[in-house]
Amino acid sequence: DLLLRTDHRIDRIGEGRIRVVYRMTVTGPDADAI
């Protein structure tokens, strides 16, 4: 019943610079504990 979702993102933050971001969320019953 758990869904693990990972967002992979490229943010442009300035001339010639980027930020690479990984963000995971876990949702479903007892997601906080599990």
Full PDB file with SEQRES, HELIX, SHEET, SSBOND, CRYST1, ORIGX, SCALE, CONECT and MASTER records, all heavy atoms in Angstrom:
SEQRES   1 A   34  ASP LEU LEU LEU ARG THR ASP HIS ARG ILE ASP ARG ILE          
SEQRES   2 A   34  GLY GLU GLY ARG ILE ARG VAL VAL TYR ARG MET THR VAL          
SEQRES   3 A   34  THR GLY PRO ASP ALA ASP ALA ILE                              
SHEET    1 AA1 2 LEU A   3  GLY A  14  0                                        
SHEET    2 AA1 2 ARG A  17  THR A  27 -1                                        
CRYST1    1.000    1.000    1.000  90.00  90.00  90.00 P 1           1          
ORIGX1      1.000000  0.000000  0.000000        0.00000                         
ORIGX2      0.000000  1.000000  0.000000        0.00000                         
ORIGX3      0.000000  0.000000  1.000000        0.00000                         
SCALE1      1.000000  0.000000  0.000000        0.00000                         
SCALE2      0.000000  1.000000  0.000000        0.00000                         
SCALE3      0.000000  0.000000  1.000000        0.00000                         
ATOM      1  N   ASP A   1       0.809  -1.226   0.000  1.00  0.00           N  
ATOM      2  CA  ASP A   1       0.000   0.000   0.000  1.00  0.00           C  
ATOM      3  C   ASP A   1       0.839   1.271   0.000  1.00  0.00           C  
ATOM      4  O   ASP A   1       0.291   2.369  -0.005  1.00  0.00           O  
ATOM      5  CB  ASP A   1      -0.925   0.020   1.222  1.00  0.00           C  
ATOM      6  CG  ASP A   1      -2.017  -1.038   1.139  1.00  0.00           C  
ATOM      7  OD1 ASP A   1      -2.363  -1.454   0.015  1.00  0.00           O  
ATOM      8  OD2 ASP A   1      -2.511  -1.454   2.206  1.00  0.00           O  
ATOM      9  N   LEU A   2       2.178   1.115   0.044  1.00  0.00           N  
ATOM     10  CA  LEU A   2       3.045   2.295   0.066  1.00  0.00           C  
ATOM     11  C   LEU A   2       3.418   2.716  -1.345  1.00  0.00           C  
ATOM     12  O   LEU A   2       3.667   1.878  -2.208  1.00  0.00           O  
ATOM     13  CB  LEU A   2       4.334   2.006   0.828  1.00  0.00           C  
ATOM     14  CG  LEU A   2       4.243   1.840   2.331  1.00  0.00           C  
ATOM     15  CD1 LEU A   2       5.623   1.547   2.898  1.00  0.00           C  
ATOM     16  CD2 LEU A   2       3.661   3.080   2.987  1.00  0.00           C  
ATOM     17  N   LEU A   3       3.488   4.022  -1.545  1.00  0.00           N  
ATOM     18  CA  LEU A   3       3.958   4.588  -2.802  1.00  0.00           C  
ATOM     19  C   LEU A   3       5.207   5.407  -2.515  1.00  0.00           C  
ATOM     20  O   LEU A   3       5.172   6.344  -1.711  1.00  0.00           O  
ATOM     21  CB  LEU A   3       2.894   5.483  -3.439  1.00  0.00           C  
ATOM     22  CG  LEU A   3       3.306   6.195  -4.727  1.00  0.00           C  
ATOM     23  CD1 LEU A   3       3.583   5.177  -5.837  1.00  0.00           C  
ATOM     24  CD2 LEU A   3       2.230   7.180  -5.156  1.00  0.00           C  
ATOM     25  N   LEU A   4       6.328   5.010  -3.131  1.00  0.00           N  
ATOM     26  CA  LEU A   4       7.579   5.763  -3.026  1.00  0.00           C  
ATOM     27  C   LEU A   4       7.741   6.530  -4.319  1.00  0.00           C  
ATOM     28  O   LEU A   4       7.818   5.933  -5.403  1.00  0.00           O  
ATOM     29  CB  LEU A   4       8.770   4.819  -2.817  1.00  0.00           C  
ATOM     30  CG  LEU A   4       8.933   4.236  -1.418  1.00  0.00           C  
ATOM     31  CD1 LEU A   4       7.824   3.262  -1.081  1.00  0.00           C  
ATOM     32  CD2 LEU A   4      10.278   3.576  -1.301  1.00  0.00           C  
ATOM     33  N   ARG A   5       7.770   7.825  -4.204  1.00  0.00           N  
ATOM     34  CA  ARG A   5       7.806   8.709  -5.366  1.00  0.00           C  
ATOM     35  C   ARG A   5       9.066   9.561  -5.280  1.00  0.00           C  
ATOM     36  O   ARG A   5       9.283  10.232  -4.279  1.00  0.00           O  
ATOM     37  CB  ARG A   5       6.548   9.575  -5.316  1.00  0.00           C  
ATOM     38  CG  ARG A   5       6.168  10.234  -6.558  1.00  0.00           C  
ATOM     39  CD  ARG A   5       4.793  10.887  -6.351  1.00  0.00           C  
ATOM     40  NE  ARG A   5       4.692  12.034  -7.186  1.00  0.00           N  
ATOM     41  CZ  ARG A   5       4.232  12.008  -8.427  1.00  0.00           C  
ATOM     42  NH1 ARG A   5       3.802  10.893  -8.939  1.00  0.00           N  
ATOM     43  NH2 ARG A   5       4.206  13.107  -9.156  1.00  0.00           N  
ATOM     44  N   THR A   6       9.886   9.512  -6.346  1.00  0.00           N  
ATOM     45  CA  THR A   6      11.123  10.295  -6.347  1.00  0.00           C  
ATOM     46  C   THR A   6      11.096  11.281  -7.502  1.00  0.00           C  
ATOM     47  O   THR A   6      10.963  10.895  -8.661  1.00  0.00           O  
ATOM     48  CB  THR A   6      12.358   9.385  -6.458  1.00  0.00           C  
ATOM     49  OG1 THR A   6      12.308   8.415  -5.406  1.00  0.00           O  
ATOM     50  CG2 THR A   6      13.632  10.200  -6.331  1.00  0.00           C  
ATOM     51  N   ASP A   7      11.212  12.544  -7.148  1.00  0.00           N  
ATOM     52  CA  ASP A   7      11.242  13.647  -8.107  1.00  0.00           C  
ATOM     53  C   ASP A   7      12.705  14.006  -8.339  1.00  0.00           C  
ATOM     54  O   ASP A   7      13.437  14.270  -7.387  1.00  0.00           O  
ATOM     55  CB  ASP A   7      10.481  14.836  -7.518  1.00  0.00           C  
ATOM     56  CG  ASP A   7      10.235  15.962  -8.499  1.00  0.00           C  
ATOM     57  OD1 ASP A   7      10.877  15.991  -9.558  1.00  0.00           O  
ATOM     58  OD2 ASP A   7       9.392  16.819  -8.181  1.00  0.00           O  
ATOM     59  N   HIS A   8      13.135  13.982  -9.596  1.00  0.00           N  
ATOM     60  CA  HIS A   8      14.502  14.340  -9.997  1.00  0.00           C  
ATOM     61  C   HIS A   8      14.365  15.635 -10.796  1.00  0.00           C  
ATOM     62  O   HIS A   8      13.645  15.660 -11.800  1.00  0.00           O  
ATOM     63  CB  HIS A   8      15.106  13.262 -10.894  1.00  0.00           C  
ATOM     64  CG  HIS A   8      15.030  11.875 -10.330  1.00  0.00           C  
ATOM     65  ND1 HIS A   8      13.853  11.125 -10.305  1.00  0.00           N  
ATOM     66  CD2 HIS A   8      15.976  11.096  -9.776  1.00  0.00           C  
ATOM     67  CE1 HIS A   8      14.106   9.954  -9.773  1.00  0.00           C  
ATOM     68  NE2 HIS A   8      15.383   9.907  -9.428  1.00  0.00           N  
ATOM     69  N   ARG A   9      15.043  16.683 -10.372  1.00  0.00           N  
ATOM     70  CA  ARG A   9      14.793  18.005 -10.949  1.00  0.00           C  
ATOM     71  C   ARG A   9      16.093  18.754 -11.205  1.00  0.00           C  
ATOM     72  O   ARG A   9      17.050  18.633 -10.429  1.00  0.00           O  
ATOM     73  CB  ARG A   9      13.918  18.774  -9.951  1.00  0.00           C  
ATOM     74  CG  ARG A   9      13.282  19.997 -10.449  1.00  0.00           C  
ATOM     75  CD  ARG A   9      12.343  20.592  -9.402  1.00  0.00           C  
ATOM     76  NE  ARG A   9      13.102  21.265  -8.344  1.00  0.00           N  
ATOM     77  CZ  ARG A   9      12.963  21.025  -7.052  1.00  0.00           C  
ATOM     78  NH1 ARG A   9      12.124  20.133  -6.594  1.00  0.00           N  
ATOM     79  NH2 ARG A   9      13.686  21.698  -6.177  1.00  0.00           N  
ATOM     80  N   ILE A  10      16.109  19.525 -12.263  1.00  0.00           N  
ATOM     81  CA  ILE A  10      17.211  20.433 -12.568  1.00  0.00           C  
ATOM     82  C   ILE A  10      16.675  21.854 -12.423  1.00  0.00           C  
ATOM     83  O   ILE A  10      15.766  22.249 -13.151  1.00  0.00           O  
ATOM     84  CB  ILE A  10      17.743  20.226 -14.005  1.00  0.00           C  
ATOM     85  CG1 ILE A  10      18.256  18.798 -14.200  1.00  0.00           C  
ATOM     86  CG2 ILE A  10      18.819  21.260 -14.333  1.00  0.00           C  
ATOM     87  CD1 ILE A  10      18.536  18.428 -15.667  1.00  0.00           C  
ATOM     88  N   ASP A  11      17.229  22.615 -11.479  1.00  0.00           N  
ATOM     89  CA  ASP A  11      16.857  24.022 -11.296  1.00  0.00           C  
ATOM     90  C   ASP A  11      17.989  24.887 -11.813  1.00  0.00           C  
ATOM     91  O   ASP A  11      19.151  24.697 -11.411  1.00  0.00           O  
ATOM     92  CB  ASP A  11      16.637  24.348  -9.812  1.00  0.00           C  
ATOM     93  CG  ASP A  11      15.448  23.631  -9.209  1.00  0.00           C  
ATOM     94  OD1 ASP A  11      14.541  23.217  -9.963  1.00  0.00           O  
ATOM     95  OD2 ASP A  11      15.431  23.484  -7.967  1.00  0.00           O  
ATOM     96  N   ARG A  12      17.690  25.823 -12.664  1.00  0.00           N  
ATOM     97  CA  ARG A  12      18.696  26.777 -13.131  1.00  0.00           C  
ATOM     98  C   ARG A  12      18.784  27.886 -12.086  1.00  0.00           C  
ATOM     99  O   ARG A  12      17.784  28.516 -11.764  1.00  0.00           O  
ATOM    100  CB  ARG A  12      18.316  27.321 -14.499  1.00  0.00           C  
ATOM    101  CG  ARG A  12      18.303  26.212 -15.547  1.00  0.00           C  
ATOM    102  CD  ARG A  12      17.668  26.661 -16.862  1.00  0.00           C  
ATOM    103  NE  ARG A  12      17.363  25.535 -17.701  1.00  0.00           N  
ATOM    104  CZ  ARG A  12      18.165  25.044 -18.631  1.00  0.00           C  
ATOM    105  NH1 ARG A  12      19.323  25.611 -18.862  1.00  0.00           N  
ATOM    106  NH2 ARG A  12      17.803  24.008 -19.358  1.00  0.00           N  
ATOM    107  N   ILE A  13      19.991  28.087 -11.550  1.00  0.00           N  
ATOM    108  CA  ILE A  13      20.119  29.021 -10.419  1.00  0.00           C  
ATOM    109  C   ILE A  13      20.986  30.236 -10.727  1.00  0.00           C  
ATOM    110  O   ILE A  13      21.139  31.093  -9.878  1.00  0.00           O  
ATOM    111  CB  ILE A  13      20.658  28.296  -9.161  1.00  0.00           C  
ATOM    112  CG1 ILE A  13      21.990  27.617  -9.433  1.00  0.00           C  
ATOM    113  CG2 ILE A  13      19.627  27.311  -8.636  1.00  0.00           C  
ATOM    114  CD1 ILE A  13      22.658  27.043  -8.193  1.00  0.00           C  
ATOM    115  N   GLY A  14      21.524  30.307 -11.903  1.00  0.00           N  
ATOM    116  CA  GLY A  14      22.358  31.450 -12.250  1.00  0.00           C  
ATOM    117  C   GLY A  14      23.134  31.157 -13.506  1.00  0.00           C  
ATOM    118  O   GLY A  14      23.054  30.068 -14.071  1.00  0.00           O  
ATOM    119  N   GLU A  15      23.881  32.121 -13.942  1.00  0.00           N  
ATOM    120  CA  GLU A  15      24.674  31.968 -15.155  1.00  0.00           C  
ATOM    121  C   GLU A  15      25.627  30.781 -15.026  1.00  0.00           C  
ATOM    122  O   GLU A  15      26.531  30.781 -14.200  1.00  0.00           O  
ATOM    123  CB  GLU A  15      25.464  33.257 -15.421  1.00  0.00           C  
ATOM    124  CG  GLU A  15      26.172  33.286 -16.750  1.00  0.00           C  
ATOM    125  CD  GLU A  15      25.224  33.240 -17.935  1.00  0.00           C  
ATOM    126  OE1 GLU A  15      24.141  33.862 -17.850  1.00  0.00           O  
ATOM    127  OE2 GLU A  15      25.558  32.598 -18.943  1.00  0.00           O  
ATOM    128  N   GLY A  16      25.380  29.751 -15.823  1.00  0.00           N  
ATOM    129  CA  GLY A  16      26.258  28.591 -15.839  1.00  0.00           C  
ATOM    130  C   GLY A  16      26.171  27.704 -14.615  1.00  0.00           C  
ATOM    131  O   GLY A  16      27.032  26.861 -14.401  1.00  0.00           O  
ATOM    132  N   ARG A  17      25.140  27.848 -13.798  1.00  0.00           N  
ATOM    133  CA  ARG A  17      24.988  27.040 -12.575  1.00  0.00           C  
ATOM    134  C   ARG A  17      23.601  26.406 -12.543  1.00  0.00           C  
ATOM    135  O   ARG A  17      22.610  27.044 -12.919  1.00  0.00           O  
ATOM    136  CB  ARG A  17      25.159  27.880 -11.310  1.00  0.00           C  
ATOM    137  CG  ARG A  17      26.482  28.578 -11.152  1.00  0.00           C  
ATOM    138  CD  ARG A  17      27.642  27.683 -10.862  1.00  0.00           C  
ATOM    139  NE  ARG A  17      27.502  26.989  -9.585  1.00  0.00           N  
ATOM    140  CZ  ARG A  17      28.277  25.972  -9.227  1.00  0.00           C  
ATOM    141  NH1 ARG A  17      29.212  25.511 -10.027  1.00  0.00           N  
ATOM    142  NH2 ARG A  17      28.118  25.401  -8.051  1.00  0.00           N  
ATOM    143  N   ILE A  18      23.570  25.174 -12.058  1.00  0.00           N  
ATOM    144  CA  ILE A  18      22.302  24.493 -11.836  1.00  0.00           C  
ATOM    145  C   ILE A  18      22.325  23.821 -10.474  1.00  0.00           C  
ATOM    146  O   ILE A  18      23.387  23.623  -9.883  1.00  0.00           O  
ATOM    147  CB  ILE A  18      21.997  23.428 -12.925  1.00  0.00           C  
ATOM    148  CG1 ILE A  18      23.072  22.338 -12.947  1.00  0.00           C  
ATOM    149  CG2 ILE A  18      21.808  24.077 -14.284  1.00  0.00           C  
ATOM    150  CD1 ILE A  18      22.748  21.138 -13.830  1.00  0.00           C  
ATOM    151  N   ARG A  19      21.156  23.514  -9.992  1.00  0.00           N  
ATOM    152  CA  ARG A  19      21.003  22.711  -8.777  1.00  0.00           C  
ATOM    153  C   ARG A  19      20.265  21.444  -9.205  1.00  0.00           C  
ATOM    154  O   ARG A  19      19.190  21.512  -9.808  1.00  0.00           O  
ATOM    155  CB  ARG A  19      20.198  23.453  -7.717  1.00  0.00           C  
ATOM    156  CG  ARG A  19      20.005  22.658  -6.434  1.00  0.00           C  
ATOM    157  CD  ARG A  19      19.216  23.431  -5.362  1.00  0.00           C  
ATOM    158  NE  ARG A  19      19.907  24.656  -5.008  1.00  0.00           N  
ATOM    159  CZ  ARG A  19      19.432  25.883  -5.208  1.00  0.00           C  
ATOM    160  NH1 ARG A  19      18.256  26.071  -5.773  1.00  0.00           N  
ATOM    161  NH2 ARG A  19      20.131  26.942  -4.842  1.00  0.00           N  
ATOM    162  N   VAL A  20      20.846  20.298  -8.892  1.00  0.00           N  
ATOM    163  CA  VAL A  20      20.209  19.012  -9.152  1.00  0.00           C  
ATOM    164  C   VAL A  20      19.556  18.589  -7.835  1.00  0.00           C  
ATOM    165  O   VAL A  20      20.209  18.582  -6.787  1.00  0.00           O  
ATOM    166  CB  VAL A  20      21.234  17.959  -9.625  1.00  0.00           C  
ATOM    167  CG1 VAL A  20      20.559  16.614  -9.850  1.00  0.00           C  
ATOM    168  CG2 VAL A  20      21.940  18.440 -10.892  1.00  0.00           C  
ATOM    169  N   VAL A  21      18.261  18.283  -7.898  1.00  0.00           N  
ATOM    170  CA  VAL A  21      17.482  18.000  -6.700  1.00  0.00           C  
ATOM    171  C   VAL A  21      16.821  16.633  -6.825  1.00  0.00           C  
ATOM    172  O   VAL A  21      16.217  16.324  -7.848  1.00  0.00           O  
ATOM    173  CB  VAL A  21      16.382  19.066  -6.480  1.00  0.00           C  
ATOM    174  CG1 VAL A  21      15.585  18.779  -5.210  1.00  0.00           C  
ATOM    175  CG2 VAL A  21      16.963  20.466  -6.469  1.00  0.00           C  
ATOM    176  N   TYR A  22      16.943  15.815  -5.786  1.00  0.00           N  
ATOM    177  CA  TYR A  22      16.197  14.572  -5.659  1.00  0.00           C  
ATOM    178  C   TYR A  22      15.299  14.744  -4.437  1.00  0.00           C  
ATOM    179  O   TYR A  22      15.764  15.161  -3.370  1.00  0.00           O  
ATOM    180  CB  TYR A  22      17.107  13.369  -5.397  1.00  0.00           C  
ATOM    181  CG  TYR A  22      17.885  12.846  -6.571  1.00  0.00           C  
ATOM    182  CD1 TYR A  22      18.081  13.573  -7.732  1.00  0.00           C  
ATOM    183  CD2 TYR A  22      18.439  11.575  -6.490  1.00  0.00           C  
ATOM    184  CE1 TYR A  22      18.823  13.058  -8.781  1.00  0.00           C  
ATOM    185  CE2 TYR A  22      19.179  11.051  -7.536  1.00  0.00           C  
ATOM    186  CZ  TYR A  22      19.369  11.796  -8.682  1.00  0.00           C  
ATOM    187  OH  TYR A  22      20.108  11.276  -9.716  1.00  0.00           O  
ATOM    188  N   ARG A  23      14.024  14.390  -4.588  1.00  0.00           N  
ATOM    189  CA  ARG A  23      13.087  14.492  -3.458  1.00  0.00           C  
ATOM    190  C   ARG A  23      12.219  13.242  -3.440  1.00  0.00           C  
ATOM    191  O   ARG A  23      11.556  12.940  -4.423  1.00  0.00           O  
ATOM    192  CB  ARG A  23      12.202  15.721  -3.603  1.00  0.00           C  
ATOM    193  CG  ARG A  23      11.236  15.893  -2.453  1.00  0.00           C  
ATOM    194  CD  ARG A  23      10.490  17.228  -2.557  1.00  0.00           C  
ATOM    195  NE  ARG A  23       9.724  17.454  -1.385  1.00  0.00           N  
ATOM    196  CZ  ARG A  23       8.464  17.027  -1.216  1.00  0.00           C  
ATOM    197  NH1 ARG A  23       7.875  16.346  -2.170  1.00  0.00           N  
ATOM    198  NH2 ARG A  23       7.822  17.278  -0.099  1.00  0.00           N  
ATOM    199  N   MET A  24      12.267  12.517  -2.335  1.00  0.00           N  
ATOM    200  CA  MET A  24      11.446  11.319  -2.186  1.00  0.00           C  
ATOM    201  C   MET A  24      10.325  11.573  -1.198  1.00  0.00           C  
ATOM    202  O   MET A  24      10.539  12.187  -0.147  1.00  0.00           O  
ATOM    203  CB  MET A  24      12.264  10.128  -1.692  1.00  0.00           C  
ATOM    204  CG  MET A  24      11.403   8.895  -1.390  1.00  0.00           C  
ATOM    205  SD  MET A  24      12.356   7.467  -0.894  1.00  0.00           S  
ATOM    206  CE  MET A  24      12.748   6.855  -2.532  1.00  0.00           C  
ATOM    207  N   THR A  25       9.142  11.069  -1.545  1.00  0.00           N  
ATOM    208  CA  THR A  25       8.025  11.044  -0.606  1.00  0.00           C  
ATOM    209  C   THR A  25       7.521   9.608  -0.521  1.00  0.00           C  
ATOM    210  O   THR A  25       7.505   8.879  -1.512  1.00  0.00           O  
ATOM    211  CB  THR A  25       6.869  11.970  -1.040  1.00  0.00           C  
ATOM    212  OG1 THR A  25       6.426  11.607  -2.348  1.00  0.00           O  
ATOM    213  CG2 THR A  25       7.300  13.430  -1.041  1.00  0.00           C  
ATOM    214  N   VAL A  26       7.141   9.228   0.678  1.00  0.00           N  
ATOM    215  CA  VAL A  26       6.533   7.927   0.916  1.00  0.00           C  
ATOM    216  C   VAL A  26       5.139   8.207   1.455  1.00  0.00           C  
ATOM    217  O   VAL A  26       4.989   8.919   2.454  1.00  0.00           O  
ATOM    218  CB  VAL A  26       7.348   7.090   1.931  1.00  0.00           C  
ATOM    219  CG1 VAL A  26       6.657   5.752   2.190  1.00  0.00           C  
ATOM    220  CG2 VAL A  26       8.770   6.876   1.445  1.00  0.00           C  
ATOM    221  N   THR A  27       4.129   7.672   0.776  1.00  0.00           N  
ATOM    222  CA  THR A  27       2.746   7.875   1.196  1.00  0.00           C  
ATOM    223  C   THR A  27       2.044   6.527   1.297  1.00  0.00           C  
ATOM    224  O   THR A  27       2.465   5.548   0.685  1.00  0.00           O  
ATOM    225  CB  THR A  27       1.976   8.783   0.211  1.00  0.00           C  
ATOM    226  OG1 THR A  27       2.046   8.223  -1.109  1.00  0.00           O  
ATOM    227  CG2 THR A  27       2.551  10.196   0.195  1.00  0.00           C  
ATOM    228  N   GLY A  28       0.977   6.520   2.067  1.00  0.00           N  
ATOM    229  CA  GLY A  28       0.191   5.312   2.274  1.00  0.00           C  
ATOM    230  C   GLY A  28       0.001   5.087   3.762  1.00  0.00           C  
ATOM    231  O   GLY A  28       0.463   5.878   4.589  1.00  0.00           O  
ATOM    232  N   PRO A  29      -0.674   3.975   4.116  1.00  0.00           N  
ATOM    233  CA  PRO A  29      -0.907   3.678   5.533  1.00  0.00           C  
ATOM    234  C   PRO A  29       0.410   3.579   6.309  1.00  0.00           C  
ATOM    235  O   PRO A  29       1.346   2.925   5.860  1.00  0.00           O  
ATOM    236  CB  PRO A  29      -1.612   2.314   5.499  1.00  0.00           C  
ATOM    237  CG  PRO A  29      -2.172   2.193   4.114  1.00  0.00           C  
ATOM    238  CD  PRO A  29      -1.252   2.971   3.225  1.00  0.00           C  
ATOM    239  N   ASP A  30       0.481   4.250   7.420  1.00  0.00           N  
ATOM    240  CA  ASP A  30       1.667   4.240   8.289  1.00  0.00           C  
ATOM    241  C   ASP A  30       2.929   4.732   7.589  1.00  0.00           C  
ATOM    242  O   ASP A  30       4.049   4.330   7.935  1.00  0.00           O  
ATOM    243  CB  ASP A  30       1.907   2.845   8.884  1.00  0.00           C  
ATOM    244  CG  ASP A  30       0.776   2.385   9.773  1.00  0.00           C  
ATOM    245  OD1 ASP A  30       0.242   3.234  10.528  1.00  0.00           O  
ATOM    246  OD2 ASP A  30       0.414   1.199   9.709  1.00  0.00           O  
ATOM    247  N   ALA A  31       2.769   5.590   6.594  1.00  0.00           N  
ATOM    248  CA  ALA A  31       3.922   6.079   5.823  1.00  0.00           C  
ATOM    249  C   ALA A  31       4.941   6.792   6.696  1.00  0.00           C  
ATOM    250  O   ALA A  31       6.143   6.671   6.460  1.00  0.00           O  
ATOM    251  CB  ALA A  31       3.457   6.999   4.689  1.00  0.00           C  
ATOM    252  N   ASP A  32       4.484   7.533   7.709  1.00  0.00           N  
ATOM    253  CA  ASP A  32       5.435   8.214   8.595  1.00  0.00           C  
ATOM    254  C   ASP A  32       6.355   7.217   9.275  1.00  0.00           C  
ATOM    255  O   ASP A  32       7.581   7.356   9.254  1.00  0.00           O  
ATOM    256  CB  ASP A  32       4.703   9.017   9.683  1.00  0.00           C  
ATOM    257  CG  ASP A  32       4.095  10.298   9.169  1.00  0.00           C  
ATOM    258  OD1 ASP A  32       4.533  10.783   8.108  1.00  0.00           O  
ATOM    259  OD2 ASP A  32       3.170  10.816   9.826  1.00  0.00           O  
ATOM    260  N   ALA A  33       5.777   6.186   9.856  1.00  0.00           N  
ATOM    261  CA  ALA A  33       6.566   5.203  10.602  1.00  0.00           C  
ATOM    262  C   ALA A  33       7.399   4.338   9.666  1.00  0.00           C  
ATOM    263  O   ALA A  33       8.605   4.152   9.874  1.00  0.00           O  
ATOM    264  CB  ALA A  33       5.649   4.329  11.448  1.00  0.00           C  
ATOM    265  N   ILE A  34       6.777   3.806   8.626  1.00  0.00           N  
ATOM    266  CA  ILE A  34       7.502   2.924   7.706  1.00  0.00           C  
ATOM    267  C   ILE A  34       8.536   3.719   6.910  1.00  0.00           C  
ATOM    268  O   ILE A  34       9.670   3.281   6.732  1.00  0.00           O  
ATOM    269  CB  ILE A  34       6.521   2.175   6.783  1.00  0.00           C  
ATOM    270  CG1 ILE A  34       5.628   1.254   7.611  1.00  0.00           C  
ATOM    271  CG2 ILE A  34       7.284   1.380   5.727  1.00  0.00           C  
ATOM    272  CD1 ILE A  34       4.469   0.647   6.842  1.00  0.00           C  
TER     273      ILE A  34                                                      
MASTER        0    0    0    0    2    0    0    6  272    1    0    3          
END                                                                             
